[in-house]
Amino acid sequence: MSPKTANWIIAAGALLMLIGLLILPAALGEHPDADMRNLGACQFSLGALVMATGVYAKARLTQAMLASGEIKKEPTPSNTRVRGGCDLCGTEVPIVQCKVHQLHLCGACLAQHYDVRSCSYIPTSRVASSKGSRNLAAKARAGA
């Protein structure tokens, strides 16, 4: 079974649930019919069962694909430095600033740097950016 087949099973289950919901108003109208109500409830529950089967199949397929290596578990981080990035690793956007050491830190580096006794943290005001027209315009104004 492929993941696309599992998606079709999920869609079929959703359609069966919708049909079950559409049958229920007919059973609850002016002349209530217990058989129609039971048919609608059974149709809805059958759709839920089919949908759950599709979700289960898709989860098992994804698990098997992860185990076989068809899907990478985590993307490989690039080692390129980000301008205005973390002061320690330089590859990620900083989230906090250590006021004691004057360091802008990303989440991964914060876990290594964290010391509750001596450090004080505030949200960083630094924004990671690449060289752009704004930086070039600032240099042009400074030189003029």
N, C-alpha and C. Protein backbone atom coordinates (compact mmCIF):
# COMPACT_ATOMS: atom_id res chain seq x y z
N MET A 1 0.85 -1.18 0.00
CA MET A 1 0.00 0.00 0.00
C MET A 1 0.89 1.24 0.00
N SER A 2 0.48 2.24 -0.74
CA SER A 2 1.25 3.47 -0.82
C SER A 2 0.58 4.55 0.03
N PRO A 3 1.30 5.62 0.33
CA PRO A 3 0.69 6.71 1.09
C PRO A 3 -0.50 7.34 0.36
N LYS A 4 -0.47 7.34 -0.97
CA LYS A 4 -1.60 7.89 -1.72
C LYS A 4 -2.85 7.04 -1.51
N THR A 5 -2.67 5.72 -1.43
CA THR A 5 -3.81 4.83 -1.17
C THR A 5 -4.38 5.12 0.21
N ALA A 6 -3.51 5.34 1.18
CA ALA A 6 -3.97 5.67 2.53
C ALA A 6 -4.75 6.98 2.53
N ASN A 7 -4.31 7.95 1.72
CA ASN A 7 -5.04 9.22 1.62
C ASN A 7 -6.43 8.99 1.03
N TRP A 8 -6.53 8.11 0.04
CA TRP A 8 -7.83 7.81 -0.55
C TRP A 8 -8.74 7.11 0.46
N ILE A 9 -8.19 6.26 1.30
CA ILE A 9 -8.99 5.59 2.32
C ILE A 9 -9.52 6.62 3.33
N ILE A 10 -8.66 7.57 3.70
CA ILE A 10 -9.09 8.63 4.62
C ILE A 10 -10.20 9.46 3.99
N ALA A 11 -10.05 9.79 2.71
CA ALA A 11 -11.08 10.58 2.02
C ALA A 11 -12.39 9.79 1.91
N ALA A 12 -12.31 8.49 1.64
CA ALA A 12 -13.52 7.67 1.56
C ALA A 12 -14.22 7.62 2.92
N GLY A 13 -13.46 7.52 3.99
CA GLY A 13 -14.04 7.53 5.33
C GLY A 13 -14.74 8.85 5.63
N ALA A 14 -14.12 9.96 5.20
CA ALA A 14 -14.74 11.26 5.41
C ALA A 14 -16.04 11.38 4.61
N LEU A 15 -16.06 10.83 3.39
CA LEU A 15 -17.27 10.85 2.58
C LEU A 15 -18.38 10.02 3.22
N LEU A 16 -18.03 8.85 3.74
CA LEU A 16 -19.02 8.02 4.42
C LEU A 16 -19.58 8.72 5.66
N MET A 17 -18.73 9.41 6.38
CA MET A 17 -19.20 10.16 7.55
C MET A 17 -20.15 11.28 7.13
N LEU A 18 -19.84 11.95 6.03
CA LEU A 18 -20.70 13.02 5.53
C LEU A 18 -22.07 12.46 5.12
N ILE A 19 -22.07 11.31 4.45
CA ILE A 19 -23.34 10.70 4.06
C ILE A 19 -24.15 10.34 5.31
N GLY A 20 -23.50 9.82 6.32
CA GLY A 20 -24.19 9.52 7.57
C GLY A 20 -24.80 10.75 8.20
N LEU A 21 -24.08 11.87 8.14
CA LEU A 21 -24.62 13.12 8.69
C LEU A 21 -25.77 13.65 7.86
N LEU A 22 -25.75 13.41 6.56
CA LEU A 22 -26.84 13.87 5.69
C LEU A 22 -28.10 13.03 5.87
N ILE A 23 -27.96 11.79 6.29
CA ILE A 23 -29.11 10.93 6.52
C ILE A 23 -29.82 11.33 7.81
N LEU A 24 -29.11 11.79 8.80
CA LEU A 24 -29.71 12.09 10.10
C LEU A 24 -30.83 13.14 10.07
N PRO A 25 -30.72 14.24 9.32
CA PRO A 25 -31.85 15.18 9.31
C PRO A 25 -33.14 14.57 8.76
N ALA A 26 -33.02 13.63 7.84
CA ALA A 26 -34.22 12.96 7.31
C ALA A 26 -34.89 12.14 8.41
N ALA A 27 -34.11 11.62 9.32
CA ALA A 27 -34.67 10.81 10.40
C ALA A 27 -35.24 11.66 11.53
N LEU A 28 -34.81 12.89 11.63
CA LEU A 28 -35.23 13.74 12.74
C LEU A 28 -36.22 14.82 12.30
N GLY A 29 -36.87 14.66 11.16
CA GLY A 29 -37.80 15.66 10.64
C GLY A 29 -39.13 15.62 11.36
N GLU A 30 -40.19 15.98 10.61
CA GLU A 30 -41.54 16.01 11.19
C GLU A 30 -42.02 14.64 11.63
N HIS A 31 -41.67 13.64 10.86
CA HIS A 31 -42.07 12.26 11.17
C HIS A 31 -40.80 11.47 11.50
N PRO A 32 -40.38 11.45 12.76
CA PRO A 32 -39.13 10.76 13.12
C PRO A 32 -39.20 9.27 12.79
N ASP A 33 -38.12 8.80 12.20
CA ASP A 33 -38.03 7.40 11.82
C ASP A 33 -36.80 6.81 12.52
N ALA A 34 -37.03 5.85 13.40
CA ALA A 34 -35.93 5.25 14.16
C ALA A 34 -34.99 4.47 13.24
N ASP A 35 -35.52 3.84 12.20
CA ASP A 35 -34.67 3.06 11.29
C ASP A 35 -33.71 3.97 10.52
N MET A 36 -34.19 5.14 10.06
CA MET A 36 -33.32 6.09 9.36
C MET A 36 -32.26 6.66 10.30
N ARG A 37 -32.65 6.93 11.54
CA ARG A 37 -31.70 7.43 12.52
C ARG A 37 -30.60 6.41 12.76
N ASN A 38 -30.99 5.13 12.91
CA ASN A 38 -30.00 4.07 13.12
C ASN A 38 -29.12 3.89 11.90
N LEU A 39 -29.70 4.01 10.70
CA LEU A 39 -28.92 3.90 9.47
C LEU A 39 -27.89 5.03 9.38
N GLY A 40 -28.30 6.25 9.70
CA GLY A 40 -27.38 7.38 9.68
C GLY A 40 -26.26 7.24 10.70
N ALA A 41 -26.60 6.77 11.89
CA ALA A 41 -25.58 6.57 12.93
C ALA A 41 -24.60 5.48 12.52
N CYS A 42 -25.12 4.40 11.94
CA CYS A 42 -24.24 3.31 11.48
C CYS A 42 -23.34 3.76 10.34
N GLN A 43 -23.90 4.55 9.42
CA GLN A 43 -23.11 5.06 8.29
C GLN A 43 -21.99 5.97 8.80
N PHE A 44 -22.31 6.85 9.75
CA PHE A 44 -21.32 7.74 10.31
C PHE A 44 -20.21 6.96 11.02
N SER A 45 -20.59 5.96 11.81
CA SER A 45 -19.58 5.19 12.54
C SER A 45 -18.74 4.34 11.59
N LEU A 46 -19.34 3.84 10.51
CA LEU A 46 -18.56 3.10 9.51
C LEU A 46 -17.54 4.02 8.86
N GLY A 47 -17.97 5.24 8.55
CA GLY A 47 -17.04 6.22 7.98
C GLY A 47 -15.90 6.54 8.93
N ALA A 48 -16.21 6.67 10.21
CA ALA A 48 -15.16 6.94 11.20
C ALA A 48 -14.18 5.78 11.29
N LEU A 49 -14.70 4.55 11.19
CA LEU A 49 -13.84 3.38 11.23
C LEU A 49 -12.93 3.31 10.00
N VAL A 50 -13.50 3.59 8.83
CA VAL A 50 -12.70 3.58 7.59
C VAL A 50 -11.64 4.67 7.64
N MET A 51 -12.01 5.85 8.13
CA MET A 51 -11.05 6.95 8.23
C MET A 51 -9.93 6.61 9.21
N ALA A 52 -10.27 6.02 10.33
CA ALA A 52 -9.25 5.63 11.32
C ALA A 52 -8.32 4.57 10.74
N THR A 53 -8.87 3.68 9.93
CA THR A 53 -8.04 2.66 9.28
C THR A 53 -7.04 3.33 8.33
N GLY A 54 -7.49 4.32 7.59
CA GLY A 54 -6.58 5.04 6.69
C GLY A 54 -5.49 5.78 7.43
N VAL A 55 -5.86 6.42 8.54
CA VAL A 55 -4.85 7.12 9.34
C VAL A 55 -3.84 6.14 9.92
N TYR A 56 -4.33 4.99 10.39
CA TYR A 56 -3.42 3.98 10.94
C TYR A 56 -2.49 3.45 9.86
N ALA A 57 -3.03 3.17 8.67
CA ALA A 57 -2.20 2.66 7.58
C ALA A 57 -1.15 3.69 7.18
N LYS A 58 -1.53 4.95 7.12
CA LYS A 58 -0.57 5.99 6.75
C LYS A 58 0.53 6.13 7.80
N ALA A 59 0.16 6.01 9.07
CA ALA A 59 1.17 6.10 10.14
C ALA A 59 2.14 4.92 10.06
N ARG A 60 1.63 3.74 9.83
CA ARG A 60 2.51 2.57 9.71
C ARG A 60 3.42 2.67 8.49
N LEU A 61 2.90 3.18 7.37
CA LEU A 61 3.71 3.35 6.18
C LEU A 61 4.82 4.38 6.41
N THR A 62 4.47 5.47 7.07
CA THR A 62 5.47 6.49 7.36
C THR A 62 6.54 5.95 8.30
N GLN A 63 6.11 5.16 9.28
CA GLN A 63 7.06 4.55 10.21
C GLN A 63 8.00 3.60 9.48
N ALA A 64 7.46 2.81 8.55
CA ALA A 64 8.29 1.88 7.78
C ALA A 64 9.24 2.63 6.86
N MET A 65 8.78 3.74 6.29
CA MET A 65 9.65 4.52 5.41
C MET A 65 10.77 5.18 6.19
N LEU A 66 10.50 5.62 7.42
CA LEU A 66 11.55 6.19 8.26
C LEU A 66 12.59 5.14 8.63
N ALA A 67 12.11 3.93 8.95
CA ALA A 67 13.03 2.86 9.33
C ALA A 67 13.92 2.43 8.17
N SER A 68 13.37 2.45 6.95
CA SER A 68 14.16 2.01 5.80
C SER A 68 15.06 3.12 5.27
N GLY A 69 14.87 4.34 5.73
CA GLY A 69 15.73 5.44 5.31
C GLY A 69 15.23 6.17 4.09
N GLU A 70 14.01 5.89 3.63
CA GLU A 70 13.47 6.59 2.48
C GLU A 70 13.20 8.06 2.80
N ILE A 71 12.85 8.35 4.05
CA ILE A 71 12.59 9.71 4.49
C ILE A 71 13.68 10.08 5.50
N LYS A 72 14.29 11.23 5.31
CA LYS A 72 15.29 11.69 6.28
C LYS A 72 14.60 12.12 7.55
N LYS A 73 15.18 11.79 8.70
CA LYS A 73 14.57 12.13 9.97
C LYS A 73 14.61 13.62 10.23
N GLU A 74 15.76 14.26 10.04
CA GLU A 74 15.89 15.69 10.25
C GLU A 74 16.72 16.27 9.12
N PRO A 75 16.38 17.45 8.69
CA PRO A 75 17.20 18.07 7.66
C PRO A 75 18.57 18.42 8.22
N THR A 76 19.56 18.32 7.37
CA THR A 76 20.91 18.64 7.82
C THR A 76 21.05 20.15 7.91
N PRO A 77 21.54 20.64 9.04
CA PRO A 77 21.68 22.10 9.17
C PRO A 77 22.82 22.61 8.30
N SER A 78 22.62 23.76 7.72
CA SER A 78 23.68 24.34 6.91
C SER A 78 24.68 25.02 7.85
N ASN A 79 25.90 24.99 7.49
CA ASN A 79 26.94 25.58 8.33
C ASN A 79 27.28 27.00 7.89
N THR A 80 26.42 27.60 7.11
CA THR A 80 26.67 28.97 6.70
C THR A 80 26.27 29.92 7.81
N ARG A 81 27.10 30.90 8.03
CA ARG A 81 26.83 31.86 9.09
C ARG A 81 25.76 32.84 8.63
N VAL A 82 24.90 33.23 9.56
CA VAL A 82 23.83 34.17 9.29
C VAL A 82 24.25 35.52 9.81
N ARG A 83 24.15 36.53 8.96
CA ARG A 83 24.51 37.88 9.39
C ARG A 83 23.50 38.34 10.44
N GLY A 84 23.99 38.73 11.61
CA GLY A 84 23.11 39.13 12.70
C GLY A 84 22.57 37.93 13.45
N GLY A 85 23.18 36.76 13.27
CA GLY A 85 22.72 35.55 13.92
C GLY A 85 23.29 35.39 15.31
N CYS A 86 23.21 34.19 15.83
CA CYS A 86 23.69 33.85 17.17
C CYS A 86 25.19 34.16 17.28
N ASP A 87 25.60 34.72 18.42
CA ASP A 87 27.00 35.06 18.61
C ASP A 87 27.89 33.83 18.81
N LEU A 88 27.33 32.71 19.26
CA LEU A 88 28.15 31.52 19.50
C LEU A 88 28.25 30.64 18.25
N CYS A 89 27.11 30.22 17.70
CA CYS A 89 27.16 29.32 16.54
C CYS A 89 27.08 30.08 15.23
N GLY A 90 26.38 31.19 15.21
CA GLY A 90 26.30 32.02 14.02
C GLY A 90 25.41 31.49 12.92
N THR A 91 24.74 30.36 13.13
CA THR A 91 23.94 29.78 12.06
C THR A 91 22.45 29.95 12.24
N GLU A 92 21.98 30.31 13.43
CA GLU A 92 20.55 30.44 13.68
C GLU A 92 20.21 31.85 14.14
N VAL A 93 18.93 32.16 14.09
CA VAL A 93 18.43 33.47 14.52
C VAL A 93 18.41 33.51 16.04
N PRO A 94 18.95 34.57 16.65
CA PRO A 94 18.96 34.65 18.11
C PRO A 94 17.56 34.94 18.66
N ILE A 95 17.29 34.40 19.86
CA ILE A 95 15.99 34.62 20.50
C ILE A 95 16.12 35.41 21.80
N VAL A 96 17.25 35.29 22.50
CA VAL A 96 17.46 36.03 23.74
C VAL A 96 18.85 36.66 23.76
N GLN A 97 19.03 37.65 24.66
CA GLN A 97 20.32 38.25 24.85
C GLN A 97 20.71 38.09 26.30
N CYS A 98 21.91 37.60 26.57
CA CYS A 98 22.44 37.52 27.93
C CYS A 98 23.01 38.89 28.27
N LYS A 99 22.38 39.57 29.25
CA LYS A 99 22.79 40.91 29.60
C LYS A 99 24.16 40.94 30.29
N VAL A 100 24.52 39.86 31.00
CA VAL A 100 25.79 39.82 31.70
C VAL A 100 26.96 39.69 30.72
N HIS A 101 26.83 38.77 29.78
CA HIS A 101 27.92 38.50 28.83
C HIS A 101 27.75 39.24 27.50
N GLN A 102 26.64 39.95 27.32
CA GLN A 102 26.34 40.68 26.08
C GLN A 102 26.42 39.76 24.87
N LEU A 103 25.72 38.62 24.95
CA LEU A 103 25.66 37.65 23.87
C LEU A 103 24.23 37.48 23.39
N HIS A 104 24.05 37.47 22.08
CA HIS A 104 22.76 37.12 21.48
C HIS A 104 22.80 35.62 21.21
N LEU A 105 21.81 34.88 21.75
CA LEU A 105 21.85 33.42 21.70
C LEU A 105 20.62 32.83 21.02
N CYS A 106 20.84 31.74 20.25
CA CYS A 106 19.72 30.98 19.69
C CYS A 106 19.26 29.96 20.74
N GLY A 107 18.22 29.21 20.43
CA GLY A 107 17.68 28.25 21.39
C GLY A 107 18.66 27.15 21.77
N ALA A 108 19.41 26.63 20.79
CA ALA A 108 20.36 25.55 21.07
C ALA A 108 21.52 26.05 21.94
N CYS A 109 22.03 27.22 21.63
CA CYS A 109 23.15 27.75 22.42
C CYS A 109 22.69 28.23 23.80
N LEU A 110 21.44 28.65 23.92
CA LEU A 110 20.91 29.06 25.22
C LEU A 110 20.91 27.88 26.18
N ALA A 111 20.59 26.69 25.70
CA ALA A 111 20.58 25.51 26.57
C ALA A 111 21.98 25.23 27.12
N GLN A 112 23.03 25.52 26.35
CA GLN A 112 24.40 25.28 26.81
C GLN A 112 24.90 26.42 27.70
N HIS A 113 24.43 27.64 27.44
CA HIS A 113 24.94 28.81 28.14
C HIS A 113 24.19 29.10 29.44
N TYR A 114 23.02 28.54 29.61
CA TYR A 114 22.11 28.90 30.70
C TYR A 114 22.75 28.72 32.08
N ASP A 115 22.77 29.80 32.87
CA ASP A 115 23.24 29.76 34.26
C ASP A 115 22.36 30.72 35.05
N VAL A 116 21.49 30.16 35.88
CA VAL A 116 20.49 30.96 36.59
C VAL A 116 21.12 31.88 37.63
N ARG A 117 22.30 31.55 38.14
CA ARG A 117 22.93 32.34 39.20
C ARG A 117 23.56 33.63 38.69
N SER A 118 24.12 33.60 37.48
CA SER A 118 24.86 34.78 37.06
C SER A 118 24.29 35.48 35.83
N CYS A 119 23.51 34.80 35.02
CA CYS A 119 23.05 35.40 33.76
C CYS A 119 21.64 35.96 33.88
N SER A 120 21.41 37.01 33.13
CA SER A 120 20.10 37.63 33.05
C SER A 120 19.74 37.74 31.57
N TYR A 121 18.55 37.27 31.20
CA TYR A 121 18.18 37.19 29.78
C TYR A 121 17.01 38.11 29.48
N ILE A 122 17.05 38.72 28.30
CA ILE A 122 15.93 39.50 27.78
C ILE A 122 15.73 39.09 26.33
N PRO A 123 14.53 39.31 25.77
CA PRO A 123 14.34 39.02 24.35
C PRO A 123 15.27 39.87 23.50
N THR A 124 15.82 39.29 22.48
CA THR A 124 16.79 40.01 21.67
C THR A 124 16.10 40.98 20.72
N SER A 125 16.80 42.03 20.39
CA SER A 125 16.29 43.00 19.43
C SER A 125 16.99 42.83 18.09
N ARG A 126 17.94 41.92 18.01
CA ARG A 126 18.70 41.70 16.79
C ARG A 126 17.87 40.89 15.81
N VAL A 127 17.89 41.28 14.55
CA VAL A 127 17.19 40.56 13.50
C VAL A 127 18.22 40.05 12.51
N ALA A 128 18.15 38.77 12.20
CA ALA A 128 19.08 38.21 11.22
C ALA A 128 18.72 38.73 9.84
N SER A 129 19.73 39.15 9.10
CA SER A 129 19.48 39.65 7.75
C SER A 129 20.66 39.32 6.86
N SER A 130 20.39 39.32 5.59
CA SER A 130 21.47 39.14 4.63
C SER A 130 21.82 40.51 4.08
N LYS A 131 22.93 40.59 3.36
CA LYS A 131 23.29 41.86 2.76
C LYS A 131 22.19 42.24 1.78
N GLY A 132 21.68 43.40 1.96
CA GLY A 132 20.58 43.81 1.09
C GLY A 132 20.71 45.27 0.75
N SER A 133 19.69 45.77 0.09
CA SER A 133 19.71 47.17 -0.35
C SER A 133 19.67 48.12 0.83
N ARG A 134 19.07 47.71 1.95
CA ARG A 134 19.00 48.60 3.11
C ARG A 134 20.40 48.85 3.66
N ASN A 135 21.23 47.80 3.75
CA ASN A 135 22.58 47.97 4.26
C ASN A 135 23.42 48.81 3.30
N LEU A 136 23.23 48.58 2.01
CA LEU A 136 24.00 49.34 1.03
C LEU A 136 23.57 50.81 1.03
N ALA A 137 22.28 51.06 1.24
CA ALA A 137 21.80 52.43 1.28
C ALA A 137 22.35 53.16 2.50
N ALA A 138 22.46 52.47 3.63
CA ALA A 138 23.01 53.07 4.84
C ALA A 138 24.48 53.42 4.66
N LYS A 139 25.22 52.55 3.97
CA LYS A 139 26.63 52.82 3.72
C LYS A 139 26.79 54.00 2.76
N ALA A 140 25.89 54.09 1.80
CA ALA A 140 25.97 55.17 0.83
C ALA A 140 25.72 56.52 1.49
N ARG A 141 24.73 56.55 2.42
CA ARG A 141 24.45 57.80 3.13
C ARG A 141 25.60 58.20 4.05
N ALA A 142 26.25 57.19 4.67
CA ALA A 142 27.35 57.47 5.59
C ALA A 142 28.56 58.02 4.82
N GLY A 143 28.77 57.51 3.61
CA GLY A 143 29.91 57.95 2.83
C GLY A 143 29.70 59.27 2.14
N ALA A 144 28.47 59.71 2.00
CA ALA A 144 28.19 60.96 1.26
C ALA A 144 28.33 62.19 2.10
